[in-house]
Amino acid sequence: MGETGRDEEDDGAIGSLIGPGSYLEGDRLNELLSLISIELMRRATKMGLADDGARALRQVLLLWMRKLHSTPYDPRRLGFFVSEFSDPDRKRVERGLEMLGQCLPMVRQDGWAGKIVVDLSPWLNDTDEQLIADLHRQWLIEHVRAVQQACHQAELMIGRHLDPQLPQSERPGVRPRLTLLQERWDDLQNRLRLTRGDHLEEALADPWALYDEVAELEHLHDCVIGLQADPDATPLLFSTLWQLEGPSKLQALSLSRGRGKDRPDLMRVC
């Protein structure tokens, strides 16, 4: 796998999800790689791949998931050595790889002792709309739910800290700002929609609109906390409420605006 440049195919839907065009990492990426691995095992079984071949594919996919984290530049191909397999039965491994080679393109360099390259492209391509739709739903649903939960916590904290009875409200110049923030909060509450859990499907259909609301809520939350938080406590900024969702936010915003309307299958909730 080369580490410089990007193949044109990796700019497509698959590459944008798990390859060089993806913003996902950690659990978000692992969930997609696991889903793909399970799907490829299902397809292999459907094609009649025998037991030894399925065992070999299982090992290939484990290596693929591991190596894709460090070298995501070519997510459809995997280079490895037989010695990297955990199966101690070398003959069984070789039989399995022979069977797998009848299903997927495979190149052996210097026989079984050399590097082997398996091409997953026939089972992992940008024309597979159902698989791509499943991948989108898998990460986006969990991401939006996490964002909505963070927004719910932010709303609770805003309501709690806008209390004029808090000791901090007696500081010079605070009450006029507190009144202004209360007015902004009353107005925003009437306009918030997609940040709330009962509008999950709408948020999935238009992540851009969701983040328009999130931006307003985040700004107001941090203004309120900055003004009214206990000076002896650690201020809880909005960004800490959703922790590792930042990369997923970029992934959501990288979707073309209106894709949910043009391609409802990508955003439909199961």
Protein backbone atom coordinates (compact mmCIF):
# COMPACT_ATOMS: atom_id res chain seq x y z
CA MET A 1 0.00 0.00 0.00
CA GLY A 2 1.46 3.33 -0.99
CA GLU A 3 1.48 6.16 1.53
CA THR A 4 1.68 9.03 -0.94
CA GLY A 5 -1.09 10.25 -3.17
CA ARG A 6 -4.64 9.00 -3.44
CA ASP A 7 -6.08 6.69 -6.03
CA GLU A 8 -9.04 8.19 -7.83
CA GLU A 9 -11.25 5.34 -6.69
CA ASP A 10 -10.51 6.15 -3.06
CA ASP A 11 -12.18 9.53 -3.51
CA GLY A 12 -15.49 7.73 -3.99
CA ALA A 13 -18.07 6.66 -1.44
CA ILE A 14 -16.03 3.84 0.10
CA GLY A 15 -12.89 5.94 0.35
CA SER A 16 -14.85 8.77 1.97
CA LEU A 17 -16.08 6.38 4.67
CA ILE A 18 -13.09 4.21 5.55
CA GLY A 19 -10.25 5.42 3.34
CA PRO A 20 -8.17 8.59 2.95
CA GLY A 21 -11.26 10.76 2.57
CA SER A 22 -12.74 9.73 5.94
CA TYR A 23 -12.75 11.89 9.06
CA LEU A 24 -13.80 8.97 11.26
CA GLU A 25 -11.54 7.41 13.85
CA GLY A 26 -11.63 5.22 16.94
CA ASP A 27 -14.92 3.47 17.65
CA ARG A 28 -16.70 5.22 14.78
CA LEU A 29 -14.24 3.76 12.24
CA ASN A 30 -14.06 0.38 13.96
CA GLU A 31 -17.84 -0.01 13.73
CA LEU A 32 -17.74 0.47 9.96
CA LEU A 33 -14.81 -1.90 9.48
CA SER A 34 -16.59 -4.54 11.57
CA LEU A 35 -19.80 -4.11 9.60
CA ILE A 36 -17.91 -4.50 6.31
CA SER A 37 -16.05 -7.57 7.55
CA ILE A 38 -19.27 -9.28 8.62
CA GLU A 39 -20.86 -8.41 5.28
CA LEU A 40 -17.92 -9.79 3.30
CA MET A 41 -18.01 -13.01 5.30
CA ARG A 42 -21.74 -13.26 4.54
CA ARG A 43 -21.09 -12.77 0.84
CA ALA A 44 -18.35 -15.38 0.84
CA THR A 45 -20.66 -17.89 2.49
CA LYS A 46 -23.38 -17.09 -0.04
CA MET A 47 -20.89 -17.80 -2.83
CA GLY A 48 -20.19 -21.21 -1.33
CA LEU A 49 -16.68 -20.56 0.02
CA ALA A 50 -15.68 -23.73 1.88
CA ASP A 51 -14.61 -23.80 5.53
CA ASP A 52 -10.87 -23.46 4.97
CA GLY A 53 -11.49 -20.57 2.59
CA ALA A 54 -13.75 -18.86 5.10
CA ARG A 55 -11.08 -19.27 7.79
CA ALA A 56 -8.52 -17.67 5.49
CA LEU A 57 -10.88 -14.79 4.69
CA ARG A 58 -11.47 -14.26 8.41
CA GLN A 59 -7.71 -13.90 8.94
CA VAL A 60 -7.40 -11.59 5.92
CA LEU A 61 -10.13 -9.32 7.25
CA LEU A 62 -8.57 -9.16 10.71
CA LEU A 63 -5.30 -8.02 9.13
CA TRP A 64 -7.20 -5.61 6.87
CA MET A 65 -8.96 -3.96 9.83
CA ARG A 66 -5.68 -3.64 11.75
CA LYS A 67 -3.63 -2.23 8.90
CA LEU A 68 -6.28 0.16 7.63
CA HIS A 69 -5.83 2.29 10.75
CA SER A 70 -2.18 2.96 9.95
CA THR A 71 -2.32 2.94 6.13
CA PRO A 72 -5.80 3.99 4.93
CA TYR A 73 -4.61 4.96 1.45
CA ASP A 74 -5.84 1.86 -0.37
CA PRO A 75 -8.80 0.41 1.55
CA ARG A 76 -9.64 -2.16 -1.11
CA ARG A 77 -6.34 -4.05 -1.18
CA LEU A 78 -4.33 -5.80 1.50
CA GLY A 79 -0.73 -6.97 1.36
CA PHE A 80 0.43 -9.53 3.94
CA PHE A 81 2.59 -12.58 4.60
CA VAL A 82 1.23 -16.00 5.52
CA SER A 83 3.40 -15.81 8.64
CA GLU A 84 1.10 -13.04 9.91
CA PHE A 85 -1.80 -15.49 10.24
CA SER A 86 -2.51 -16.79 13.73
CA ASP A 87 -3.54 -20.22 12.39
CA PRO A 88 -0.60 -22.61 13.07
CA ASP A 89 -1.70 -25.08 10.38
CA ARG A 90 0.26 -23.81 7.38
CA LYS A 91 -1.24 -26.35 4.95
CA ARG A 92 -4.76 -25.35 5.95
CA VAL A 93 -3.90 -21.69 5.47
CA GLU A 94 -2.54 -22.33 2.00
CA ARG A 95 -5.60 -24.39 1.04
CA GLY A 96 -7.84 -21.62 2.34
CA LEU A 97 -6.02 -18.93 0.40
CA GLU A 98 -6.24 -21.06 -2.76
CA MET A 99 -10.02 -21.23 -2.27
CA LEU A 100 -10.22 -17.52 -1.54
CA GLY A 101 -8.25 -16.80 -4.69
CA GLN A 102 -11.09 -18.33 -6.70
CA CYS A 103 -13.43 -15.64 -5.33
CA LEU A 104 -11.18 -12.59 -5.21
CA PRO A 105 -8.16 -11.41 -7.25
CA MET A 106 -4.98 -12.48 -5.48
CA VAL A 107 -1.31 -11.99 -6.37
CA ARG A 108 1.46 -14.10 -4.84
CA GLN A 109 5.01 -12.83 -4.93
CA ASP A 110 7.63 -15.60 -4.59
CA GLY A 111 5.05 -18.24 -3.74
CA TRP A 112 3.57 -18.75 -0.29
CA ALA A 113 6.72 -17.46 1.39
CA GLY A 114 6.45 -14.05 -0.26
CA LYS A 115 4.00 -11.20 -0.02
CA ILE A 116 0.39 -11.87 -0.94
CA VAL A 117 -1.95 -9.13 -2.13
CA VAL A 118 -5.73 -9.66 -1.96
CA ASP A 119 -8.00 -7.29 -3.85
CA LEU A 120 -11.37 -6.73 -2.15
CA SER A 121 -12.67 -4.50 -4.94
CA PRO A 122 -15.21 -7.01 -6.33
CA TRP A 123 -16.96 -7.07 -2.95
CA LEU A 124 -16.19 -3.47 -1.93
CA ASN A 125 -16.98 -0.92 -4.62
CA ASP A 126 -18.75 2.39 -5.05
CA THR A 127 -21.63 0.91 -7.05
CA ASP A 128 -22.81 -1.10 -4.04
CA GLU A 129 -25.52 1.33 -2.96
CA GLN A 130 -27.00 -0.92 -0.28
CA LEU A 131 -23.68 -1.46 1.52
CA ILE A 132 -22.86 2.26 1.32
CA ALA A 133 -26.31 3.12 2.68
CA ASP A 134 -25.80 0.69 5.57
CA LEU A 135 -22.41 2.22 6.38
CA HIS A 136 -23.82 5.75 6.34
CA ARG A 137 -26.64 4.80 8.66
CA GLN A 138 -24.35 2.91 11.02
CA TRP A 139 -22.13 5.86 11.95
CA LEU A 140 -24.50 8.76 11.31
CA ILE A 141 -27.33 7.50 13.52
CA GLU A 142 -25.02 6.97 16.48
CA HIS A 143 -23.33 10.31 15.86
CA VAL A 144 -26.56 12.29 15.69
CA ARG A 145 -27.85 10.61 18.83
CA ALA A 146 -24.65 11.55 20.67
CA VAL A 147 -24.94 15.14 19.44
CA GLN A 148 -28.58 15.36 20.52
CA GLN A 149 -27.70 13.99 23.95
CA ALA A 150 -24.97 16.63 24.32
CA CYS A 151 -27.44 19.32 23.27
CA HIS A 152 -29.94 18.08 25.85
CA GLN A 153 -27.29 18.38 28.56
CA ALA A 154 -26.41 21.86 27.29
CA GLU A 155 -30.03 22.96 27.53
CA LEU A 156 -30.23 21.74 31.13
CA MET A 157 -27.04 23.57 32.03
CA ILE A 158 -28.19 26.80 30.40
CA GLY A 159 -31.46 26.71 32.31
CA ARG A 160 -29.63 26.02 35.57
CA HIS A 161 -27.03 28.77 35.19
CA LEU A 162 -29.41 31.48 34.02
CA ASP A 163 -30.87 31.52 37.55
CA PRO A 164 -30.57 35.12 38.83
CA GLN A 165 -30.45 33.77 42.39
CA LEU A 166 -26.95 32.35 41.89
CA PRO A 167 -24.33 34.22 43.94
CA GLN A 168 -22.38 35.02 40.77
CA SER A 169 -25.32 37.16 39.59
CA GLU A 170 -24.46 39.80 42.21
CA ARG A 171 -21.16 40.69 40.58
CA PRO A 172 -21.03 44.16 39.00
CA GLY A 173 -22.32 44.24 35.41
CA VAL A 174 -23.63 40.67 35.42
CA ARG A 175 -27.39 41.24 35.62
CA PRO A 176 -27.71 43.24 32.33
CA ARG A 177 -25.78 40.51 30.51
CA LEU A 178 -27.87 37.86 32.23
CA THR A 179 -31.07 39.54 31.02
CA LEU A 180 -29.73 39.63 27.46
CA LEU A 181 -28.73 35.96 27.59
CA GLN A 182 -32.17 35.03 28.94
CA GLU A 183 -33.82 36.79 26.01
CA ARG A 184 -31.57 34.96 23.57
CA TRP A 185 -32.32 31.67 25.32
CA ASP A 186 -36.09 32.21 25.19
CA ASP A 187 -35.83 32.91 21.46
CA LEU A 188 -33.54 29.94 20.77
CA GLN A 189 -35.74 27.50 22.66
CA ASN A 190 -38.58 28.31 20.27
CA ARG A 191 -36.37 27.56 17.26
CA LEU A 192 -34.49 24.44 18.35
CA ARG A 193 -35.79 21.33 16.63
CA LEU A 194 -33.18 19.00 15.13
CA THR A 195 -31.03 19.00 18.26
CA ARG A 196 -33.83 17.21 20.09
CA GLY A 197 -34.18 13.44 20.12
CA ASP A 198 -37.74 13.27 18.84
CA HIS A 199 -36.55 14.73 15.51
CA LEU A 200 -33.87 12.13 14.79
CA GLU A 201 -35.00 11.31 11.26
CA GLU A 202 -35.08 14.98 10.24
CA ALA A 203 -31.59 15.52 11.65
CA LEU A 204 -30.28 12.50 9.73
CA ALA A 205 -31.76 13.90 6.53
CA ASP A 206 -30.02 17.26 6.87
CA PRO A 207 -26.86 17.31 9.05
CA TRP A 208 -26.11 20.85 7.87
CA ALA A 209 -29.36 22.14 9.37
CA LEU A 210 -28.64 20.19 12.55
CA TYR A 211 -25.29 21.90 12.92
CA ASP A 212 -26.79 25.33 12.30
CA GLU A 213 -28.76 24.74 15.50
CA VAL A 214 -25.82 23.17 17.32
CA ALA A 215 -23.65 26.21 16.58
CA GLU A 216 -26.19 28.58 18.12
CA LEU A 217 -26.69 26.37 21.15
CA GLU A 218 -22.96 25.90 21.65
CA HIS A 219 -22.26 29.65 21.54
CA LEU A 220 -25.05 30.49 23.98
CA HIS A 221 -24.08 27.64 26.32
CA ASP A 222 -20.48 28.77 26.57
CA CYS A 223 -21.51 32.42 27.04
CA VAL A 224 -23.79 31.46 29.92
CA ILE A 225 -21.21 29.18 31.54
CA GLY A 226 -18.53 31.83 31.14
CA LEU A 227 -20.71 34.41 32.86
CA GLN A 228 -22.35 32.32 35.55
CA ALA A 229 -20.17 29.28 36.31
CA ASP A 230 -18.86 28.88 39.84
CA PRO A 231 -15.36 30.42 39.74
CA ASP A 232 -14.10 27.63 42.00
CA ALA A 233 -15.36 24.89 39.66
CA THR A 234 -14.00 23.64 36.34
CA PRO A 235 -16.13 25.20 33.58
CA LEU A 236 -17.80 22.61 31.39
CA LEU A 237 -17.60 23.88 27.82
CA PHE A 238 -19.99 22.53 25.21
CA SER A 239 -17.12 20.80 23.41
CA THR A 240 -16.54 18.58 26.45
CA LEU A 241 -20.13 17.37 26.40
CA TRP A 242 -19.68 15.33 23.24
CA GLN A 243 -16.03 14.41 23.65
CA LEU A 244 -14.84 12.47 20.57
CA GLU A 245 -17.64 13.47 18.18
CA GLY A 246 -15.54 16.18 16.49
CA PRO A 247 -14.24 14.03 13.62
CA SER A 248 -17.74 12.65 13.08
CA LYS A 249 -19.00 16.22 12.84
CA LEU A 250 -16.62 16.86 9.95
CA GLN A 251 -17.76 13.61 8.35
CA ALA A 252 -21.40 14.68 8.62
CA LEU A 253 -20.72 18.11 7.16
CA SER A 254 -18.76 16.56 4.28
CA LEU A 255 -22.01 15.04 3.01
CA SER A 256 -23.51 17.12 0.23
CA ARG A 257 -26.34 19.30 1.43
CA GLY A 258 -29.68 17.82 0.53
CA ARG A 259 -28.34 14.28 0.03
CA GLY A 260 -30.98 13.05 2.44
CA LYS A 261 -33.67 14.46 0.17
CA ASP A 262 -32.11 13.17 -3.04
CA ARG A 263 -31.16 9.78 -1.61
CA PRO A 264 -33.46 8.96 1.29
CA ASP A 265 -32.13 5.41 1.39
CA LEU A 266 -28.85 6.72 2.77
CA MET A 267 -30.44 8.33 5.77
CA ARG A 268 -33.44 6.14 6.52
CA VAL A 269 -33.62 4.96 10.13
CA CYS A 270 -34.01 1.21 10.52
